[in-house]
């Protein structure tokens, strides 16, 4: 009889699956205990970005009955709910309701976010950094840079926007395919006029020579010179690890499928190679001429997200029994769309947006923030997330500060004087 090779991953996978089946046998959704959740500094973050400006009323900010006011809702839609969570439901968006019915307990919808802009570029920068300053890094870059772990690829951008600010060494673009070609130098042989490639032994000798020179340089310097030398040495070390783990992490393959990219991103997190990733939500959301694509595009995203949550629930994390207890999902867009349809059946830019956040450290099962009958954000109490006449408008910087705190990062160090959205933090 051959001995079965049981790895830590397959053992934990089987244990989690068995626990899930046992808990769901009686018709109850399995929910991992809080004791298994990753600590704030160990949490990973998966960002999804819908470029163009999604219509918040399509899913996240339903307006029916007394709330309808001056908002044009999609035909044949209704209010969906799960406890204190509210969304727009309909036969044409079944995946949305399926997601919130299954995962609403760990998800929060944030509405009435002031994006401070109705322009794509400015809105994107504000929503991801809380400011218009070009020197500031975005939320995933800050989260990836403020950690005790030495990630080889701290923040991986598979698609969508990124603002590295002064932390360019934290961000890696691509996440696969060309990345390894750049590291091992083979990309030089893929040019229109290919250049000769070094043999492996010679390549290793060159690497050792460069590392030795940089090590001596760093030791001979002080201040900025030493720091730069140490940063380069750290980068060389990360490159060597990625070369060694290319197959394990699936870095040699390329894919445009969002689910495949998301799974690959979570694999990098599981292996301890990355803390954050950014992915683009497919579709065209700048629907000035026809608002009809909003519903199928947003429903397709939630269908993908439902499958991803299933995958993470049976996949061991880097420091937790499952990725579900370790990965925070953030879905966002750079702005919202007007409450009324225009003459062409579309909706134009609007400065109040929405966000969906799910995972460990998130105060799930609720809708936070609000807009009025004209889809304008109202003042809220940041601690409770409820409308309050004595509260303040919810700025995108406050949501960002909350995300940093969920990740164990001191938000005050980067956003002085900004009140975090405490209602989002478990």
Protein backbone atom coordinates (compact mmCIF):
# COMPACT_ATOMS: atom_id res chain seq x y z
CA UNK A 1 0.00 0.00 0.00
CA UNK A 2 1.42 3.37 -0.98
CA UNK A 3 1.70 6.02 1.69
CA UNK A 4 -0.53 9.00 1.05
CA UNK A 5 1.24 12.36 0.99
CA UNK A 6 -0.91 14.66 3.13
CA UNK A 7 0.28 18.25 3.15
CA UNK A 8 -0.76 20.92 5.66
CA UNK A 9 -2.89 22.52 3.00
CA UNK A 10 -4.82 19.36 2.04
CA UNK A 11 -5.29 18.43 5.71
CA UNK A 12 -6.70 21.84 6.62
CA UNK A 13 -8.80 21.89 3.48
CA UNK A 14 -10.39 18.59 4.42
CA UNK A 15 -10.93 19.69 8.03
CA UNK A 16 -12.59 22.94 6.99
CA UNK A 17 -14.77 21.21 4.41
CA UNK A 18 -15.84 18.60 6.97
CA UNK A 19 -16.71 21.30 9.48
CA UNK A 20 -18.65 23.17 6.83
CA UNK A 21 -20.65 20.07 5.85
CA UNK A 22 -21.39 19.32 9.46
CA UNK A 23 -22.64 22.84 10.13
CA UNK A 24 -24.69 23.06 6.96
CA UNK A 25 -26.32 19.67 7.36
CA UNK A 26 -29.02 21.25 9.46
CA UNK A 27 -29.56 24.03 6.95
CA UNK A 28 -27.32 26.57 8.70
CA UNK A 29 -24.60 28.53 6.94
CA UNK A 30 -21.20 27.65 8.39
CA UNK A 31 -19.56 30.63 10.06
CA UNK A 32 -15.94 30.33 11.25
CA UNK A 33 -15.43 31.20 14.91
CA UNK A 34 -13.86 34.55 15.76
CA UNK A 35 -11.00 32.74 17.48
CA UNK A 36 -9.71 31.65 14.07
CA UNK A 37 -9.75 35.12 12.48
CA UNK A 38 -6.42 36.71 11.60
CA UNK A 39 -5.12 39.54 13.76
CA UNK A 40 -5.34 43.03 12.20
CA UNK A 41 -1.68 43.07 11.12
CA UNK A 42 -2.07 39.64 9.51
CA UNK A 43 -5.15 40.52 7.44
CA UNK A 44 -4.82 40.63 3.66
CA UNK A 45 -6.80 42.96 1.38
CA UNK A 46 -8.34 42.27 -2.02
CA UNK A 47 -9.52 45.45 -3.76
CA UNK A 48 -11.93 45.45 -6.73
CA UNK A 49 -12.44 48.67 -8.73
CA UNK A 50 -15.29 49.45 -11.14
CA UNK A 51 -13.83 52.16 -13.35
CA UNK A 52 -16.24 54.69 -14.83
CA UNK A 53 -18.58 55.23 -11.90
CA UNK A 54 -21.15 52.62 -10.95
CA UNK A 55 -24.79 53.44 -10.33
CA UNK A 56 -25.19 53.11 -6.56
CA UNK A 57 -28.96 52.53 -6.83
CA UNK A 58 -28.43 49.42 -8.99
CA UNK A 59 -27.37 47.41 -5.92
CA UNK A 60 -26.10 49.28 -2.87
CA UNK A 61 -28.46 52.22 -2.33
CA UNK A 62 -32.08 51.18 -3.06
CA UNK A 63 -34.77 53.86 -3.14
CA UNK A 64 -38.33 52.57 -2.81
CA UNK A 65 -41.53 53.89 -1.24
CA UNK A 66 -41.01 57.05 0.79
CA UNK A 67 -37.31 57.02 -0.07
CA UNK A 68 -37.89 57.01 -3.84
CA UNK A 69 -38.30 60.77 -4.16
CA UNK A 70 -36.48 61.99 -7.23
CA UNK A 71 -34.60 58.78 -8.04
CA UNK A 72 -35.16 56.78 -11.21
CA UNK A 73 -34.88 53.14 -10.16
CA UNK A 74 -34.64 50.24 -12.62
CA UNK A 75 -37.97 48.74 -13.64
CA UNK A 76 -39.16 45.53 -11.97
CA UNK A 77 -36.83 45.84 -8.98
CA UNK A 78 -37.63 45.53 -5.30
CA UNK A 79 -36.03 45.87 -1.88
CA UNK A 80 -33.81 43.00 -0.81
CA UNK A 81 -32.83 42.62 2.84
CA UNK A 82 -30.94 40.41 5.26
CA UNK A 83 -31.19 41.74 8.79
CA UNK A 84 -29.99 45.35 8.74
CA UNK A 85 -28.55 44.99 5.24
CA UNK A 86 -30.49 46.48 2.29
CA UNK A 87 -29.93 46.18 -1.45
CA UNK A 88 -31.76 46.42 -4.78
CA UNK A 89 -33.10 43.01 -5.82
CA UNK A 90 -34.70 41.81 -9.04
CA UNK A 91 -35.05 38.86 -11.38
CA UNK A 92 -32.30 40.35 -13.55
CA UNK A 93 -29.76 40.37 -10.68
CA UNK A 94 -30.09 37.01 -8.90
CA UNK A 95 -26.41 36.77 -7.97
CA UNK A 96 -26.64 39.97 -5.93
CA UNK A 97 -29.33 38.54 -3.67
CA UNK A 98 -27.58 35.18 -3.52
CA UNK A 99 -24.36 36.83 -2.36
CA UNK A 100 -25.99 38.92 0.38
CA UNK A 101 -28.20 36.03 1.51
CA UNK A 102 -25.12 33.83 1.92
CA UNK A 103 -22.40 36.30 2.91
CA UNK A 104 -24.30 39.34 4.17
CA UNK A 105 -23.40 38.48 7.78
CA UNK A 106 -19.77 39.36 7.06
CA UNK A 107 -20.44 42.23 4.58
CA UNK A 108 -21.20 45.92 5.00
CA UNK A 109 -22.54 48.35 2.42
CA UNK A 110 -21.35 51.94 2.84
CA UNK A 111 -23.50 54.61 1.17
CA UNK A 112 -23.40 58.37 0.84
CA UNK A 113 -19.60 58.56 0.45
CA UNK A 114 -18.52 62.04 -0.63
CA UNK A 115 -16.02 61.49 -3.44
CA UNK A 116 -15.14 65.23 -3.52
CA UNK A 117 -15.27 65.15 -7.32
CA UNK A 118 -17.33 64.33 -10.39
CA UNK A 119 -14.28 63.68 -12.56
CA UNK A 120 -12.89 60.22 -13.22
CA UNK A 121 -9.25 61.02 -12.49
CA UNK A 122 -9.80 63.17 -9.42
CA UNK A 123 -12.51 60.87 -8.07
CA UNK A 124 -10.25 57.83 -8.43
CA UNK A 125 -7.42 59.52 -6.55
CA UNK A 126 -9.74 60.77 -3.80
CA UNK A 127 -11.45 57.41 -3.29
CA UNK A 128 -8.12 55.57 -3.08
CA UNK A 129 -6.01 58.11 -1.15
CA UNK A 130 -8.46 60.53 0.50
CA UNK A 131 -6.64 63.45 -1.10
CA UNK A 132 -5.72 65.07 -4.40
CA UNK A 133 -2.01 65.17 -3.48
CA UNK A 134 0.14 63.13 -5.85
CA UNK A 135 2.65 62.24 -3.12
CA UNK A 136 0.15 60.16 -1.12
CA UNK A 137 -0.05 56.39 -1.53
CA UNK A 138 -3.36 54.57 -1.96
CA UNK A 139 -4.95 52.38 0.70
CA UNK A 140 -3.59 49.02 -0.53
CA UNK A 141 -0.07 50.42 -0.90
CA UNK A 142 -0.15 51.86 2.63
CA UNK A 143 -1.52 48.60 4.04
CA UNK A 144 1.15 46.59 2.22
CA UNK A 145 4.00 48.87 3.32
CA UNK A 146 3.02 49.03 6.99
CA UNK A 147 3.58 45.44 8.06
CA UNK A 148 6.10 43.39 9.97
CA UNK A 149 6.15 40.62 7.34
CA UNK A 150 8.66 40.74 4.48
CA UNK A 151 6.38 40.23 1.48
CA UNK A 152 8.12 39.62 -1.84
CA UNK A 153 5.24 41.27 -3.72
CA UNK A 154 3.61 43.50 -1.05
CA UNK A 155 0.90 45.00 -3.32
CA UNK A 156 0.12 43.37 -6.67
CA UNK A 157 -1.89 45.27 -9.28
CA UNK A 158 -3.55 42.85 -11.71
CA UNK A 159 -5.68 45.66 -13.15
CA UNK A 160 -7.29 48.93 -12.19
CA UNK A 161 -5.77 52.10 -10.71
CA UNK A 162 -2.82 52.47 -8.38
CA UNK A 163 -1.10 55.39 -6.68
CA UNK A 164 2.24 54.38 -5.23
CA UNK A 165 3.14 57.88 -4.04
CA UNK A 166 6.50 57.72 -2.28
CA UNK A 167 6.26 53.94 -1.80
CA UNK A 168 6.98 52.68 -5.30
CA UNK A 169 9.00 49.71 -4.05
CA UNK A 170 5.85 48.28 -2.43
CA UNK A 171 3.88 47.96 -5.67
CA UNK A 172 4.26 45.30 -8.36
CA UNK A 173 2.29 45.53 -11.61
CA UNK A 174 1.08 42.48 -13.46
CA UNK A 175 1.28 39.71 -10.91
CA UNK A 176 2.27 37.11 -13.47
CA UNK A 177 3.56 36.35 -16.95
CA UNK A 178 5.98 39.17 -17.77
CA UNK A 179 7.00 39.64 -14.14
CA UNK A 180 9.21 36.53 -14.08
CA UNK A 181 10.53 37.35 -17.56
CA UNK A 182 11.67 40.72 -16.22
CA UNK A 183 13.26 39.19 -13.13
CA UNK A 184 15.24 36.46 -14.87
CA UNK A 185 16.14 38.65 -17.86
CA UNK A 186 14.52 36.38 -20.45
CA UNK A 187 12.36 39.26 -21.66
CA UNK A 188 15.44 40.61 -23.47
CA UNK A 189 15.25 37.58 -25.75
CA UNK A 190 11.63 38.36 -26.65
CA UNK A 191 12.33 41.74 -28.24
CA UNK A 192 12.06 42.43 -31.98
CA UNK A 193 15.83 42.12 -32.05
CA UNK A 194 16.56 39.49 -29.36
CA UNK A 195 19.73 39.85 -27.32
CA UNK A 196 21.89 36.90 -26.22
CA UNK A 197 20.93 35.29 -22.90
CA UNK A 198 23.35 34.33 -20.16
CA UNK A 199 23.53 30.68 -19.18
CA UNK A 200 22.19 29.87 -15.71
CA UNK A 201 25.64 29.49 -14.03
CA UNK A 202 26.77 32.84 -15.44
CA UNK A 203 23.49 34.46 -14.42
CA UNK A 204 23.96 33.27 -10.83
CA UNK A 205 27.54 34.62 -10.81
CA UNK A 206 26.32 38.04 -11.97
CA UNK A 207 23.62 38.08 -9.28
CA UNK A 208 26.16 37.19 -6.59
CA UNK A 209 28.55 39.90 -7.82
CA UNK A 210 25.83 42.60 -7.81
CA UNK A 211 24.64 41.58 -4.34
CA UNK A 212 28.20 41.64 -3.00
CA UNK A 213 28.85 45.10 -4.43
CA UNK A 214 25.59 46.46 -3.04
CA UNK A 215 26.21 44.91 0.37
CA UNK A 216 29.63 46.57 0.61
CA UNK A 217 28.16 49.87 -0.65
CA UNK A 218 25.39 49.85 1.98
CA UNK A 219 27.82 49.05 4.79
CA UNK A 220 30.09 51.94 3.78
CA UNK A 221 27.31 54.54 3.79
CA UNK A 222 25.09 56.26 6.32
CA UNK A 223 21.64 57.79 6.11
CA UNK A 224 19.96 57.88 2.70
CA UNK A 225 22.79 56.07 0.91
CA UNK A 226 22.63 53.09 3.26
CA UNK A 227 18.83 53.02 3.11
CA UNK A 228 18.85 52.97 -0.69
CA UNK A 229 21.43 50.20 -0.73
CA UNK A 230 19.44 48.11 1.75
CA UNK A 231 16.26 48.64 -0.28
CA UNK A 232 17.98 47.34 -3.42
CA UNK A 233 19.32 44.33 -1.52
CA UNK A 234 15.81 43.61 -0.24
CA UNK A 235 14.47 43.85 -3.79
CA UNK A 236 17.09 41.40 -5.05
CA UNK A 237 16.13 39.02 -2.26
CA UNK A 238 12.45 39.26 -3.17
CA UNK A 239 13.27 38.60 -6.83
CA UNK A 240 15.22 35.47 -5.89
CA UNK A 241 12.31 34.15 -3.83
CA UNK A 242 9.86 34.77 -6.67
CA UNK A 243 12.10 32.89 -9.11
CA UNK A 244 12.29 29.97 -6.68
CA UNK A 245 8.52 29.88 -6.12
CA UNK A 246 7.40 30.69 -9.67
CA UNK A 247 5.58 27.39 -10.22
CA UNK A 248 4.10 27.23 -6.70
CA UNK A 249 2.58 30.71 -7.03
CA UNK A 250 1.50 30.33 -10.65
CA UNK A 251 3.49 33.41 -11.65
CA UNK A 252 4.30 32.19 -15.13
CA UNK A 253 0.71 32.20 -16.41
CA UNK A 254 -1.44 35.07 -17.61
CA UNK A 255 -5.22 35.36 -17.51
CA UNK A 256 -7.81 38.06 -18.06
CA UNK A 257 -10.60 36.27 -16.21
CA UNK A 258 -11.43 38.15 -13.01
CA UNK A 259 -12.15 35.02 -10.97
CA UNK A 260 -8.87 33.42 -12.03
CA UNK A 261 -6.98 36.62 -11.20
CA UNK A 262 -8.69 36.81 -7.80
CA UNK A 263 -7.82 33.19 -7.02
CA UNK A 264 -4.22 33.84 -8.04
CA UNK A 265 -4.13 36.93 -5.81
CA UNK A 266 -5.39 34.92 -2.84
CA UNK A 267 -2.79 32.23 -3.59
CA UNK A 268 -0.05 34.87 -3.32
CA UNK A 269 -1.57 35.86 0.03
CA UNK A 270 -1.79 32.23 1.18
CA UNK A 271 1.87 31.69 0.35
CA UNK A 272 2.91 34.81 2.26
CA UNK A 273 4.12 36.57 -0.89
CA UNK A 274 1.59 39.43 -0.92
CA UNK A 275 -0.63 41.38 1.46
CA UNK A 276 -2.76 43.38 -0.99
CA UNK A 277 -4.00 43.14 -4.56
CA UNK A 278 -6.00 45.36 -6.89
CA UNK A 279 -8.26 43.96 -9.64
CA UNK A 280 -10.47 45.66 -12.20
CA UNK A 281 -14.18 44.85 -12.22
CA UNK A 282 -14.99 44.13 -15.90
CA UNK A 283 -17.45 46.25 -17.82
CA UNK A 284 -18.11 49.83 -18.87
CA UNK A 285 -19.63 51.80 -16.01
CA UNK A 286 -19.56 55.27 -17.56
CA UNK A 287 -23.15 54.88 -18.76
CA UNK A 288 -24.04 58.38 -19.99
CA UNK A 289 -25.94 57.16 -23.03
CA UNK A 290 -27.60 54.01 -21.68
CA UNK A 291 -27.81 52.94 -18.03
CA UNK A 292 -29.01 49.41 -18.84
CA UNK A 293 -25.54 47.74 -18.63
CA UNK A 294 -25.19 48.61 -14.95
CA UNK A 295 -27.39 45.77 -13.64
CA UNK A 296 -25.88 42.83 -15.57
CA UNK A 297 -22.34 44.05 -14.93
CA UNK A 298 -22.83 44.44 -11.19
CA UNK A 299 -24.68 41.13 -11.00
CA UNK A 300 -21.80 39.40 -12.82
CA UNK A 301 -19.37 40.85 -10.28
CA UNK A 302 -21.37 39.51 -7.34
CA UNK A 303 -21.64 36.11 -9.03
CA UNK A 304 -17.84 36.03 -9.26
CA UNK A 305 -17.52 37.22 -5.66
CA UNK A 306 -19.88 34.52 -4.42
CA UNK A 307 -17.70 31.87 -6.06
CA UNK A 308 -14.56 33.47 -4.64
CA UNK A 309 -15.95 33.42 -1.09
CA UNK A 310 -16.70 29.71 -1.54
CA UNK A 311 -13.13 29.15 -2.70
CA UNK A 312 -11.65 31.07 0.23
CA UNK A 313 -13.84 29.20 2.73
CA UNK A 314 -12.12 25.87 1.87
CA UNK A 315 -8.61 27.21 1.26
CA UNK A 316 -6.15 27.51 4.17
CA UNK A 317 -4.83 30.99 4.83
CA UNK A 318 -1.29 32.06 5.55
CA UNK A 319 -1.89 32.44 9.29
CA UNK A 320 -5.52 31.26 9.66
CA UNK A 321 -7.42 28.01 9.00
CA UNK A 322 -9.08 29.59 5.95
CA UNK A 323 -8.60 32.58 3.68
CA UNK A 324 -12.13 33.60 4.57
CA UNK A 325 -10.83 34.51 8.04
CA UNK A 326 -7.85 36.38 6.64
CA UNK A 327 -8.84 38.32 3.50
CA UNK A 328 -10.82 41.58 3.52
CA UNK A 329 -12.65 42.28 0.25
CA UNK A 330 -13.22 45.91 -0.81
CA UNK A 331 -15.38 46.74 -3.86
CA UNK A 332 -15.58 50.35 -4.99
CA UNK A 333 -15.85 52.87 -7.82
CA UNK A 334 -14.60 56.42 -8.24
CA UNK A 335 -18.01 58.13 -8.21
CA UNK A 336 -21.75 57.54 -8.42
CA UNK A 337 -24.35 58.40 -11.03
CA UNK A 338 -27.13 60.97 -11.05
CA UNK A 339 -30.49 60.07 -9.49
CA UNK A 340 -32.39 60.86 -12.70
CA UNK A 341 -32.00 59.44 -16.20
CA UNK A 342 -30.91 61.92 -18.83
CA UNK A 343 -32.51 62.36 -22.26
CA UNK A 344 -30.50 59.44 -23.66
CA UNK A 345 -31.59 56.95 -21.00
CA UNK A 346 -28.26 57.17 -19.20
CA UNK A 347 -27.05 58.68 -15.96
CA UNK A 348 -24.27 61.22 -15.57
CA UNK A 349 -21.54 61.72 -12.96
CA UNK A 350 -22.53 62.18 -9.31
CA UNK A 351 -20.28 63.02 -6.31
CA UNK A 352 -21.79 60.50 -3.86
CA UNK A 353 -20.66 56.90 -4.14
CA UNK A 354 -20.91 53.54 -2.39
CA UNK A 355 -18.61 50.74 -1.30
CA UNK A 356 -18.97 47.12 -0.20
CA UNK A 357 -16.54 45.74 2.39
CA UNK A 358 -16.48 42.15 3.65
CA UNK A 359 -14.24 39.99 5.79
CA UNK A 360 -12.46 39.77 9.14
CA UNK A 361 -12.48 42.96 11.19
CA UNK A 362 -15.53 44.29 9.32
CA UNK A 363 -18.71 45.10 11.22
CA UNK A 364 -20.86 43.04 8.86
CA UNK A 365 -24.56 42.56 8.29
CA UNK A 366 -25.48 46.22 7.99
CA UNK A 367 -25.81 49.25 5.74
CA UNK A 368 -23.74 52.22 6.91
CA UNK A 369 -24.28 55.82 5.83
CA UNK A 370 -27.20 57.15 3.85
CA UNK A 371 -28.43 59.45 1.11
CA UNK A 372 -31.65 61.46 0.97
CA UNK A 373 -34.49 61.29 -1.57
CA UNK A 374 -32.30 63.15 -4.04
CA UNK A 375 -29.36 60.74 -3.58
CA UNK A 376 -27.33 63.37 -1.69
CA UNK A 377 -25.25 62.15 1.24
CA UNK A 378 -26.59 63.09 4.68
CA UNK A 379 -24.64 63.78 7.89
CA UNK A 380 -24.05 60.64 9.96
CA UNK A 381 -22.67 59.69 13.33
CA UNK A 382 -19.38 58.03 12.40
CA UNK A 383 -19.47 55.70 15.40
CA UNK A 384 -22.92 54.24 14.66
CA UNK A 385 -23.09 54.87 10.91
CA UNK A 386 -26.63 56.21 11.28
CA UNK A 387 -27.97 59.57 10.04
CA UNK A 388 -27.56 62.32 12.62
CA UNK A 389 -28.34 66.04 12.46
CA UNK A 390 -25.29 66.65 14.63
CA UNK A 391 -23.06 64.38 12.55
CA UNK A 392 -20.79 64.98 9.56
CA UNK A 393 -20.85 64.07 5.90
CA UNK A 394 -19.03 60.81 5.20
CA UNK A 395 -15.89 61.61 3.25
CA UNK A 396 -13.94 58.96 1.34
CA UNK A 397 -10.97 59.73 3.59
CA UNK A 398 -12.93 58.53 6.64
CA UNK A 399 -13.67 55.20 4.94
CA UNK A 400 -9.99 54.86 4.03
CA UNK A 401 -8.96 55.56 7.61
CA UNK A 402 -11.29 52.75 8.74
CA UNK A 403 -9.73 50.33 6.23
CA UNK A 404 -6.27 51.17 7.56
CA UNK A 405 -7.42 50.48 11.12
CA UNK A 406 -8.98 47.17 10.10
CA UNK A 407 -5.51 46.31 8.77
CA UNK A 408 -3.79 47.31 12.02
CA UNK A 409 -2.29 50.51 10.56
CA UNK A 410 -2.20 53.78 12.51
CA UNK A 411 -4.44 55.94 10.31
CA UNK A 412 -3.45 59.11 12.18
CA UNK A 413 0.08 58.78 10.85
CA UNK A 414 -1.18 59.31 7.29
CA UNK A 415 -4.54 61.10 7.68
CA UNK A 416 -4.10 63.62 10.46
CA UNK A 417 -7.37 65.03 11.76
CA UNK A 418 -9.52 62.56 9.80
CA UNK A 419 -12.32 60.84 11.72
CA UNK A 420 -12.37 57.12 10.82
CA UNK A 421 -15.70 55.50 10.03
CA UNK A 422 -15.84 53.56 13.30
CA UNK A 423 -19.13 51.90 12.36
CA UNK A 424 -17.29 49.83 9.75
CA UNK A 425 -14.82 48.38 12.25
CA UNK A 426 -15.87 45.28 14.20
